[in-house]
Amino acid sequence: MHTAKVPGQKNQRITFDTVRELASPLAGVEESTSYGTPAFKVHGVLFLRLWDDNETLVVRMEMDRRAEMIAEDPETYFLTDHYLNYPWILVRLAKINREALHELIGAAWQLASKRKARR
């Protein structure tokens, strides 16, 4: 697992356009909306969406892994009470680097793909 910041590497500004660039090429992905914000789904299963503040990404996440990530880097990863019982993590786009975001998006895509397969 990569942390949000890589020592010695200048972070480029991460925006939802960066998310789109990383998520769009994944197999079965379609851009959509969720709760009125831009989102990505794989075969109809939501795995990413822009939060209402337009600065935070909501990412599908294994519940046990997210606790680790929040403990390791609470400036980047966090939860609100709403998400406590759901498999999601909130990610501040201004705090994450491209490599870590790429990894998160891939993991979220895999989780959503598996969920579709179980339906």
C-alpha atoms as a PDB file:
ATOM      1  CA  MET A   1       0.000   0.000   0.000  1.00  0.00           C
ATOM      2  CA  HIS A   2       1.304   3.428  -0.923  1.00  0.00           C
ATOM      3  CA  THR A   3       0.924   6.367   1.390  1.00  0.00           C
ATOM      4  CA  ALA A   4      -0.548   9.572   0.062  1.00  0.00           C
ATOM      5  CA  LYS A   5       2.757  11.421  -0.100  1.00  0.00           C
ATOM      6  CA  VAL A   6       5.979  10.214  -1.668  1.00  0.00           C
ATOM      7  CA  PRO A   7       9.089  11.866  -0.173  1.00  0.00           C
ATOM      8  CA  GLY A   8      11.050  13.855  -2.714  1.00  0.00           C
ATOM      9  CA  GLN A   9       8.250  13.722  -5.281  1.00  0.00           C
ATOM     10  CA  LYS A  10       6.387  16.901  -6.078  1.00  0.00           C
ATOM     11  CA  ASN A  11       2.672  16.232  -5.963  1.00  0.00           C
ATOM     12  CA  GLN A  12       0.802  17.357  -9.043  1.00  0.00           C
ATOM     13  CA  ARG A  13      -2.643  18.778  -8.435  1.00  0.00           C
ATOM     14  CA  ILE A  14      -5.169  15.948  -8.408  1.00  0.00           C
ATOM     15  CA  THR A  15      -8.659  16.783  -9.664  1.00  0.00           C
ATOM     16  CA  PHE A  16     -11.704  14.828 -10.747  1.00  0.00           C
ATOM     17  CA  ASP A  17     -10.271  15.013 -14.275  1.00  0.00           C
ATOM     18  CA  THR A  18      -7.326  12.955 -12.948  1.00  0.00           C
ATOM     19  CA  VAL A  19      -9.828  10.462 -11.499  1.00  0.00           C
ATOM     20  CA  ARG A  20     -11.583  10.316 -14.878  1.00  0.00           C
ATOM     21  CA  GLU A  21      -8.273   9.737 -16.679  1.00  0.00           C
ATOM     22  CA  LEU A  22      -7.404   6.826 -14.367  1.00  0.00           C
ATOM     23  CA  ALA A  23     -10.864   5.222 -14.103  1.00  0.00           C
ATOM     24  CA  SER A  24     -12.177   5.493 -17.671  1.00  0.00           C
ATOM     25  CA  PRO A  25      -9.834   2.940 -19.297  1.00  0.00           C
ATOM     26  CA  LEU A  26     -10.757   0.165 -16.849  1.00  0.00           C
ATOM     27  CA  ALA A  27     -12.841  -2.653 -18.318  1.00  0.00           C
ATOM     28  CA  GLY A  28     -16.603  -2.241 -18.064  1.00  0.00           C
ATOM     29  CA  VAL A  29     -16.408   1.276 -16.590  1.00  0.00           C
ATOM     30  CA  GLU A  30     -19.052   3.872 -17.358  1.00  0.00           C
ATOM     31  CA  GLU A  31     -19.214   7.451 -16.181  1.00  0.00           C
ATOM     32  CA  SER A  32     -22.472   8.207 -14.433  1.00  0.00           C
ATOM     33  CA  THR A  33     -23.841  10.233 -11.530  1.00  0.00           C
ATOM     34  CA  SER A  34     -24.618   9.404  -7.924  1.00  0.00           C
ATOM     35  CA  TYR A  35     -26.446  11.763  -5.569  1.00  0.00           C
ATOM     36  CA  GLY A  36     -26.107  14.445  -8.244  1.00  0.00           C
ATOM     37  CA  THR A  37     -22.308  14.235  -8.485  1.00  0.00           C
ATOM     38  CA  PRO A  38     -20.046  12.659 -11.141  1.00  0.00           C
ATOM     39  CA  ALA A  39     -19.445   8.962 -10.525  1.00  0.00           C
ATOM     40  CA  PHE A  40     -18.019   5.801 -12.026  1.00  0.00           C
ATOM     41  CA  LYS A  41     -19.623   2.391 -12.132  1.00  0.00           C
ATOM     42  CA  VAL A  42     -18.454  -0.974 -13.391  1.00  0.00           C
ATOM     43  CA  HIS A  43     -21.302  -2.991 -14.906  1.00  0.00           C
ATOM     44  CA  GLY A  44     -23.734  -0.797 -12.976  1.00  0.00           C
ATOM     45  CA  VAL A  45     -21.974  -1.096  -9.584  1.00  0.00           C
ATOM     46  CA  LEU A  46     -20.798   2.201  -8.105  1.00  0.00           C
ATOM     47  CA  PHE A  47     -17.113   2.327  -7.152  1.00  0.00           C
ATOM     48  CA  LEU A  48     -16.192   6.036  -7.195  1.00  0.00           C
ATOM     49  CA  ARG A  49     -18.032   9.300  -6.848  1.00  0.00           C
ATOM     50  CA  LEU A  50     -17.211  12.909  -6.208  1.00  0.00           C
ATOM     51  CA  TRP A  51     -18.437  14.025  -2.801  1.00  0.00           C
ATOM     52  CA  ASP A  52     -20.719  17.048  -2.452  1.00  0.00           C
ATOM     53  CA  ASP A  53     -17.805  19.386  -1.614  1.00  0.00           C
ATOM     54  CA  ASN A  54     -16.233  18.753  -5.069  1.00  0.00           C
ATOM     55  CA  GLU A  55     -12.844  18.212  -3.353  1.00  0.00           C
ATOM     56  CA  THR A  56     -13.276  14.725  -1.909  1.00  0.00           C
ATOM     57  CA  LEU A  57     -13.592  11.356  -3.602  1.00  0.00           C
ATOM     58  CA  VAL A  58     -15.818   8.605  -2.195  1.00  0.00           C
ATOM     59  CA  VAL A  59     -14.073   5.295  -2.922  1.00  0.00           C
ATOM     60  CA  ARG A  60     -15.336   1.724  -2.484  1.00  0.00           C
ATOM     61  CA  MET A  61     -13.022   0.103   0.050  1.00  0.00           C
ATOM     62  CA  GLU A  62     -12.655  -3.037   2.106  1.00  0.00           C
ATOM     63  CA  MET A  63     -13.693  -2.150   5.653  1.00  0.00           C
ATOM     64  CA  ASP A  64     -10.596  -3.630   7.336  1.00  0.00           C
ATOM     65  CA  ARG A  65      -8.159  -1.838   5.010  1.00  0.00           C
ATOM     66  CA  ARG A  66      -9.697   1.590   5.448  1.00  0.00           C
ATOM     67  CA  ALA A  67      -9.031   1.705   9.207  1.00  0.00           C
ATOM     68  CA  GLU A  68      -5.344   1.155   8.484  1.00  0.00           C
ATOM     69  CA  MET A  69      -5.268   3.885   5.871  1.00  0.00           C
ATOM     70  CA  ILE A  70      -7.040   6.425   8.074  1.00  0.00           C
ATOM     71  CA  ALA A  71      -4.681   5.672  10.977  1.00  0.00           C
ATOM     72  CA  GLU A  72      -1.651   5.995   8.702  1.00  0.00           C
ATOM     73  CA  ASP A  73      -2.691   9.248   6.961  1.00  0.00           C
ATOM     74  CA  PRO A  74      -5.759  10.988   8.475  1.00  0.00           C
ATOM     75  CA  GLU A  75      -5.076  14.176   6.489  1.00  0.00           C
ATOM     76  CA  THR A  76      -5.814  12.292   3.276  1.00  0.00           C
ATOM     77  CA  TYR A  77      -8.228   9.521   4.277  1.00  0.00           C
ATOM     78  CA  PHE A  78     -11.247   9.931   6.538  1.00  0.00           C
ATOM     79  CA  LEU A  79     -14.849   8.933   7.225  1.00  0.00           C
ATOM     80  CA  THR A  80     -18.001  10.648   8.339  1.00  0.00           C
ATOM     81  CA  ASP A  81     -20.611   8.956  10.510  1.00  0.00           C
ATOM     82  CA  HIS A  82     -22.686   8.304   7.393  1.00  0.00           C
ATOM     83  CA  TYR A  83     -20.037   5.923   5.986  1.00  0.00           C
ATOM     84  CA  LEU A  84     -19.117   4.069   9.206  1.00  0.00           C
ATOM     85  CA  ASN A  85     -21.126   0.940   8.367  1.00  0.00           C
ATOM     86  CA  TYR A  86     -20.547   0.968   4.614  1.00  0.00           C
ATOM     87  CA  PRO A  87     -17.534  -0.136   2.524  1.00  0.00           C
ATOM     88  CA  TRP A  88     -16.363   3.353   1.527  1.00  0.00           C
ATOM     89  CA  ILE A  89     -13.526   5.727   2.378  1.00  0.00           C
ATOM     90  CA  LEU A  90     -13.316   9.475   1.779  1.00  0.00           C
ATOM     91  CA  VAL A  91     -10.175  10.784   0.073  1.00  0.00           C
ATOM     92  CA  ARG A  92      -9.092  14.432  -0.028  1.00  0.00           C
ATOM     93  CA  LEU A  93      -7.986  14.930  -3.646  1.00  0.00           C
ATOM     94  CA  ALA A  94      -5.648  17.786  -2.672  1.00  0.00           C
ATOM     95  CA  LYS A  95      -3.695  15.448  -0.368  1.00  0.00           C
ATOM     96  CA  ILE A  96      -3.250  12.285  -2.446  1.00  0.00           C
ATOM     97  CA  ASN A  97      -0.640  11.675  -5.124  1.00  0.00           C
ATOM     98  CA  ARG A  98      -1.321  10.140  -8.498  1.00  0.00           C
ATOM     99  CA  GLU A  99       0.281   6.771  -7.740  1.00  0.00           C
ATOM    100  CA  ALA A 100      -1.752   6.248  -4.557  1.00  0.00           C
ATOM    101  CA  LEU A 101      -4.928   7.368  -6.344  1.00  0.00           C
ATOM    102  CA  HIS A 102      -4.253   4.968  -9.207  1.00  0.00           C
ATOM    103  CA  GLU A 103      -3.884   2.118  -6.702  1.00  0.00           C
ATOM    104  CA  LEU A 104      -7.107   3.051  -4.871  1.00  0.00           C
ATOM    105  CA  ILE A 105      -9.102   3.288  -8.071  1.00  0.00           C
ATOM    106  CA  GLY A 106      -7.849  -0.129  -9.196  1.00  0.00           C
ATOM    107  CA  ALA A 107      -8.751  -1.715  -5.859  1.00  0.00           C
ATOM    108  CA  ALA A 108     -12.203  -0.079  -5.876  1.00  0.00           C
ATOM    109  CA  TRP A 109     -12.789  -1.286  -9.438  1.00  0.00           C
ATOM    110  CA  GLN A 110     -11.846  -4.851  -8.426  1.00  0.00           C
ATOM    111  CA  LEU A 111     -14.244  -4.788  -5.443  1.00  0.00           C
ATOM    112  CA  ALA A 112     -17.105  -3.515  -7.590  1.00  0.00           C
ATOM    113  CA  SER A 113     -16.314  -6.087 -10.306  1.00  0.00           C
ATOM    114  CA  LYS A 114     -16.439  -8.898  -7.729  1.00  0.00           C
ATOM    115  CA  ARG A 115     -19.728  -7.573  -6.383  1.00  0.00           C
ATOM    116  CA  LYS A 116     -21.207  -7.697  -9.872  1.00  0.00           C
ATOM    117  CA  ALA A 117     -19.982 -11.277 -10.301  1.00  0.00           C
ATOM    118  CA  ARG A 118     -21.792 -12.355  -7.101  1.00  0.00           C
ATOM    119  CA  ARG A 119     -25.155 -10.944  -8.218  1.00  0.00           C
END
